[in-house]
Amino acid sequence: MRPRNATSYSAIAIVAGLLFFSATPLPAQWLGYRIPGVPRTADGKVNLSAPTPKASDGKPDLSGFWESDTAYFYDLAKDLKPGDLVMQPWAKALQAEREGKEHQDDPLSDCMPPGVPRINMSTDAMVHPFKIVQTPKLVVLLYETSANSTFRQVFLDGRPLPKDPQPTWLGYSIGRWESDTLVVETIGFNGRSWLDTAKGHPQSEAAHVTERFTRRDFGHLEINITIDDPKTYVKPWSAKVPVHLLPDSDLIETYCENEKDEAHKR
């Protein structure tokens, strides 16, 4: 496992540790390999404050191996003020039940995908980074998650969002550039995903998630997320998640064996 800074979340951290205990990363290959063409300081370290790189088409190059601030995995709405997030009555009751039970029924504990946008978040229990591979017509996000390695495709070829999509965990995504920001719109969810872990904010099949990816410099990315889900929330709400580069590293295989956790997760 990669080294990281741990944050204390008392009981929820203990439950999360049990939840993700069976997701087994293999020893990283190429860990510490000095990737050619990367800006470096005089002591050889990656210069995370270097200017944002550009792709061949002149757009900001979002490519890289990234990790988010762990706190948003637990509570995506942690920075919001009262009234910014207003749930429908059924959703408020369900969220309170999930929080009270310390996410015992989280589908992630059954090796299901974390959903969007939770799949972009890291946890205290394990590093859950993601890799962006960018081309002019397609952006691919590869994930190292406790629900087994998975991916998302963001199409930039002008296609519209599907009119009658088959429901999925991660939905269907299209993207476009607005100045130096990649705007990704995703629909077509199955309504079973949670938006975060400690709070258990619900998501319905009507959700429309908009993510705005902005690379501030070589080592820092920002994802502005808007949740528009009228079945679940009275009005759209947004969160801003900071993300940092994991230099001189790369994805490793992960897999989930939930039967090993079944006796402990409650």
Protein backbone atom coordinates (compact mmCIF):
# COMPACT_ATOMS: atom_id res chain seq x y z
CA MET A 1 0.00 0.00 0.00
CA ARG A 2 1.15 3.52 -0.68
CA PRO A 3 1.97 5.75 2.29
CA ARG A 4 -0.64 8.35 3.16
CA ASN A 5 -1.73 10.71 5.90
CA ALA A 6 -4.48 9.20 8.04
CA THR A 7 -7.42 11.16 9.44
CA SER A 8 -9.38 9.99 12.48
CA TYR A 9 -13.09 9.35 11.98
CA SER A 10 -13.67 7.37 15.22
CA ALA A 11 -16.29 4.64 14.78
CA ILE A 12 -16.82 5.27 11.09
CA ALA A 13 -13.13 4.72 10.40
CA ILE A 14 -13.25 1.38 12.18
CA VAL A 15 -16.27 0.28 10.18
CA ALA A 16 -14.64 1.52 6.99
CA GLY A 17 -11.55 -0.48 7.82
CA LEU A 18 -13.66 -3.62 8.05
CA LEU A 19 -15.53 -2.67 4.92
CA PHE A 20 -12.41 -2.38 2.81
CA PHE A 21 -10.25 -4.97 4.57
CA SER A 22 -10.79 -7.55 1.83
CA ALA A 23 -9.81 -5.30 -1.08
CA THR A 24 -6.29 -6.50 -1.71
CA PRO A 25 -3.77 -4.38 -3.62
CA LEU A 26 -0.73 -6.13 -5.07
CA PRO A 27 2.77 -4.66 -4.62
CA ALA A 28 3.04 -1.65 -6.92
CA GLN A 29 5.09 -2.05 -10.04
CA TRP A 30 7.12 0.95 -11.18
CA LEU A 31 6.61 2.68 -7.82
CA GLY A 32 9.28 5.38 -7.67
CA TYR A 33 10.13 5.13 -11.37
CA ARG A 34 11.20 8.55 -12.64
CA ILE A 35 8.74 9.24 -15.44
CA PRO A 36 10.47 10.98 -18.38
CA GLY A 37 9.40 14.49 -19.36
CA VAL A 38 8.06 15.42 -15.92
CA PRO A 39 9.14 18.83 -14.54
CA ARG A 40 11.47 18.46 -11.57
CA THR A 41 13.15 20.65 -8.97
CA ALA A 42 16.89 20.81 -8.47
CA ASP A 43 16.76 17.90 -5.99
CA GLY A 44 15.02 15.66 -8.52
CA LYS A 45 11.54 15.77 -7.01
CA VAL A 46 8.50 16.33 -9.22
CA ASN A 47 7.71 20.05 -9.38
CA LEU A 48 4.03 20.02 -8.42
CA SER A 49 3.81 23.80 -8.87
CA ALA A 50 4.98 23.73 -12.48
CA PRO A 51 2.57 25.10 -15.12
CA THR A 52 -0.34 22.99 -16.30
CA PRO A 53 0.78 20.81 -19.24
CA LYS A 54 -0.94 21.11 -22.61
CA ALA A 55 -2.23 18.33 -24.84
CA SER A 56 -1.50 18.15 -28.57
CA ASP A 57 -4.79 19.97 -29.31
CA GLY A 58 -3.85 22.86 -27.01
CA LYS A 59 -6.26 21.90 -24.22
CA PRO A 60 -5.00 21.41 -20.66
CA ASP A 61 -3.70 17.88 -20.30
CA LEU A 62 -5.48 16.25 -17.35
CA SER A 63 -3.54 13.01 -17.76
CA GLY A 64 -1.99 11.71 -14.57
CA PHE A 65 -2.39 9.55 -11.51
CA TRP A 66 -4.57 11.36 -8.95
CA GLU A 67 -5.84 11.11 -5.38
CA SER A 68 -8.56 13.19 -3.73
CA ASP A 69 -8.90 14.61 -0.23
CA THR A 70 -10.21 11.72 1.88
CA ALA A 71 -12.78 13.73 3.84
CA TYR A 72 -15.17 13.97 0.88
CA PHE A 73 -15.46 10.19 0.66
CA TYR A 74 -17.16 10.32 4.04
CA ASP A 75 -19.20 13.50 3.59
CA LEU A 76 -19.41 15.07 0.15
CA ALA A 77 -21.37 18.00 1.59
CA LYS A 78 -18.96 18.75 4.43
CA ASP A 79 -18.22 22.31 3.24
CA LEU A 80 -21.85 23.31 2.66
CA LYS A 81 -23.86 25.74 4.76
CA PRO A 82 -27.30 24.91 6.23
CA GLY A 83 -29.85 25.18 3.47
CA ASP A 84 -27.40 24.42 0.66
CA LEU A 85 -28.48 20.77 0.64
CA VAL A 86 -32.20 20.15 1.13
CA MET A 87 -33.44 16.56 0.87
CA GLN A 88 -36.90 15.31 0.01
CA PRO A 89 -38.62 13.82 3.10
CA TRP A 90 -38.06 10.18 2.07
CA ALA A 91 -34.39 10.87 1.29
CA LYS A 92 -33.84 12.66 4.60
CA ALA A 93 -35.26 9.68 6.50
CA LEU A 94 -33.15 7.22 4.53
CA GLN A 95 -29.98 9.27 5.01
CA ALA A 96 -30.55 9.44 8.76
CA GLU A 97 -31.10 5.68 8.90
CA ARG A 98 -27.88 4.98 6.99
CA GLU A 99 -25.87 7.33 9.16
CA GLY A 100 -27.33 5.84 12.34
CA LYS A 101 -26.42 2.31 11.21
CA GLU A 102 -22.88 3.44 10.26
CA HIS A 103 -23.40 2.46 6.60
CA GLN A 104 -23.94 -1.25 7.30
CA ASP A 105 -25.97 -1.59 4.11
CA ASP A 106 -23.53 0.25 1.89
CA PRO A 107 -23.43 -1.58 -1.49
CA LEU A 108 -19.69 -0.98 -1.52
CA SER A 109 -19.42 -3.66 1.18
CA ASP A 110 -20.78 -6.14 -1.37
CA CYS A 111 -18.08 -5.20 -3.88
CA MET A 112 -20.41 -3.00 -5.90
CA PRO A 113 -18.93 0.09 -7.61
CA PRO A 114 -18.88 3.26 -5.45
CA GLY A 115 -20.96 5.21 -7.98
CA VAL A 116 -20.46 8.73 -9.34
CA PRO A 117 -19.06 10.94 -7.91
CA ARG A 118 -17.97 8.81 -4.91
CA ILE A 119 -15.69 6.72 -7.15
CA ASN A 120 -13.38 9.75 -7.45
CA MET A 121 -12.83 9.87 -3.67
CA SER A 122 -10.13 8.25 -1.54
CA THR A 123 -10.54 6.72 1.92
CA ASP A 124 -8.52 6.53 5.11
CA ALA A 125 -8.59 2.75 5.05
CA MET A 126 -6.89 2.48 1.67
CA VAL A 127 -5.56 4.69 -1.09
CA HIS A 128 -8.15 4.75 -3.90
CA PRO A 129 -6.49 6.74 -6.68
CA PHE A 130 -7.59 7.10 -10.28
CA LYS A 131 -5.78 7.62 -13.56
CA ILE A 132 -6.88 9.97 -16.35
CA VAL A 133 -6.00 9.08 -19.93
CA GLN A 134 -6.85 11.94 -22.28
CA THR A 135 -7.31 12.02 -26.05
CA PRO A 136 -9.07 14.69 -28.15
CA LYS A 137 -12.26 12.63 -28.52
CA LEU A 138 -12.25 10.43 -25.43
CA VAL A 139 -11.18 10.71 -21.79
CA VAL A 140 -10.83 7.46 -19.87
CA LEU A 141 -10.78 7.28 -16.08
CA LEU A 142 -9.25 4.13 -14.62
CA TYR A 143 -9.98 3.39 -10.97
CA GLU A 144 -8.17 1.49 -8.24
CA THR A 145 -11.13 0.82 -5.94
CA SER A 146 -12.16 -1.70 -3.31
CA ALA A 147 -14.95 -2.79 -5.65
CA ASN A 148 -12.45 -4.21 -8.15
CA SER A 149 -10.65 -2.19 -10.80
CA THR A 150 -13.12 -0.40 -13.08
CA PHE A 151 -13.33 2.47 -15.55
CA ARG A 152 -15.40 5.29 -17.00
CA GLN A 153 -15.49 6.60 -20.56
CA VAL A 154 -16.15 10.30 -21.22
CA PHE A 155 -16.99 10.90 -24.87
CA LEU A 156 -15.94 14.23 -26.40
CA ASP A 157 -17.02 13.39 -29.96
CA GLY A 158 -20.23 15.45 -29.88
CA ARG A 159 -22.67 12.67 -29.11
CA PRO A 160 -25.65 13.56 -26.85
CA LEU A 161 -26.53 11.87 -23.60
CA PRO A 162 -28.62 8.73 -24.25
CA LYS A 163 -32.40 9.23 -24.19
CA ASP A 164 -33.31 5.88 -22.60
CA PRO A 165 -30.17 4.44 -21.03
CA GLN A 166 -29.99 1.06 -19.39
CA PRO A 167 -29.44 1.85 -15.68
CA THR A 168 -25.88 1.33 -14.46
CA TRP A 169 -23.73 2.00 -11.40
CA LEU A 170 -21.49 4.57 -13.11
CA GLY A 171 -23.87 5.97 -15.70
CA TYR A 172 -23.11 7.35 -19.17
CA SER A 173 -20.80 10.33 -19.58
CA ILE A 174 -20.18 12.95 -22.23
CA GLY A 175 -17.80 15.87 -22.00
CA ARG A 176 -16.96 19.25 -23.47
CA TRP A 177 -14.36 21.94 -22.86
CA GLU A 178 -15.32 25.28 -21.37
CA SER A 179 -12.14 27.32 -21.59
CA ASP A 180 -9.57 25.34 -19.53
CA THR A 181 -12.17 23.19 -17.72
CA LEU A 182 -13.41 19.77 -18.80
CA VAL A 183 -17.16 19.58 -18.10
CA VAL A 184 -18.48 16.01 -17.72
CA GLU A 185 -22.21 15.26 -17.58
CA THR A 186 -23.40 11.84 -16.42
CA ILE A 187 -26.86 10.25 -16.30
CA GLY A 188 -28.35 6.76 -16.44
CA PHE A 189 -27.79 5.61 -12.86
CA ASN A 190 -29.50 2.63 -11.23
CA GLY A 191 -30.43 4.55 -8.06
CA ARG A 192 -28.57 2.15 -5.75
CA SER A 193 -25.37 4.17 -5.24
CA TRP A 194 -24.54 6.35 -2.24
CA LEU A 195 -22.97 9.76 -2.75
CA ASP A 196 -20.76 9.39 0.33
CA THR A 197 -20.06 6.91 3.09
CA ALA A 198 -20.49 8.28 6.61
CA LYS A 199 -23.55 10.35 5.72
CA GLY A 200 -25.03 8.00 3.13
CA HIS A 201 -26.61 10.70 0.97
CA PRO A 202 -28.92 8.93 -1.49
CA GLN A 203 -28.93 9.07 -5.28
CA SER A 204 -31.92 8.19 -7.47
CA GLU A 205 -32.09 6.99 -11.06
CA ALA A 206 -33.07 10.56 -12.04
CA ALA A 207 -29.72 12.02 -10.96
CA HIS A 208 -27.76 14.22 -13.34
CA VAL A 209 -24.17 14.68 -12.15
CA THR A 210 -21.96 17.41 -13.60
CA GLU A 211 -18.24 17.32 -12.85
CA ARG A 212 -15.90 20.17 -13.78
CA PHE A 213 -12.25 19.12 -13.91
CA THR A 214 -9.72 21.98 -13.74
CA ARG A 215 -5.98 21.37 -13.53
CA ARG A 216 -4.60 24.33 -11.57
CA ASP A 217 -0.95 23.45 -12.12
CA PHE A 218 1.12 20.33 -12.71
CA GLY A 219 0.31 18.71 -9.37
CA HIS A 220 -3.16 19.96 -8.46
CA LEU A 221 -6.61 19.27 -9.89
CA GLU A 222 -9.99 20.53 -8.72
CA ILE A 223 -13.33 18.79 -9.31
CA ASN A 224 -16.45 20.92 -8.95
CA ILE A 225 -19.45 18.60 -8.62
CA THR A 226 -23.11 19.49 -9.06
CA ILE A 227 -25.83 17.01 -8.06
CA ASP A 228 -29.16 17.63 -9.81
CA ASP A 229 -31.54 14.92 -8.56
CA PRO A 230 -35.09 16.28 -8.14
CA LYS A 231 -36.45 12.98 -6.82
CA THR A 232 -34.00 13.14 -3.92
CA TYR A 233 -33.10 16.81 -3.38
CA VAL A 234 -35.30 19.89 -3.42
CA LYS A 235 -32.71 21.81 -5.45
CA PRO A 236 -29.32 21.11 -7.08
CA TRP A 237 -26.30 21.31 -4.80
CA SER A 238 -22.56 21.45 -5.36
CA ALA A 239 -19.27 20.43 -3.78
CA LYS A 240 -15.66 21.28 -4.59
CA VAL A 241 -13.11 18.47 -4.18
CA PRO A 242 -9.34 19.10 -4.25
CA VAL A 243 -7.20 16.43 -5.92
CA HIS A 244 -3.43 16.03 -5.96
CA LEU A 245 -1.02 14.18 -8.22
CA LEU A 246 0.68 10.98 -7.08
CA PRO A 247 4.02 11.44 -8.87
CA ASP A 248 6.27 8.63 -10.08
CA SER A 249 3.60 6.00 -9.40
CA ASP A 250 0.91 4.12 -11.28
CA LEU A 251 -2.21 1.98 -10.95
CA ILE A 252 -2.08 -1.45 -9.39
CA GLU A 253 -4.59 -4.28 -9.53
CA THR A 254 -7.30 -4.44 -6.87
CA TYR A 255 -9.99 -6.99 -6.23
CA CYS A 256 -12.75 -7.49 -3.68
CA GLU A 257 -13.68 -10.70 -1.86
CA ASN A 258 -16.65 -9.65 0.22
CA GLU A 259 -17.35 -13.11 1.63
CA LYS A 260 -14.27 -12.70 3.85
CA ASP A 261 -15.85 -9.61 5.44
CA GLU A 262 -19.42 -10.83 5.81
CA ALA A 263 -19.06 -11.97 9.44
CA HIS A 264 -17.44 -8.69 10.52
CA LYS A 265 -19.07 -5.84 8.62
CA ARG A 266 -21.95 -5.43 11.12
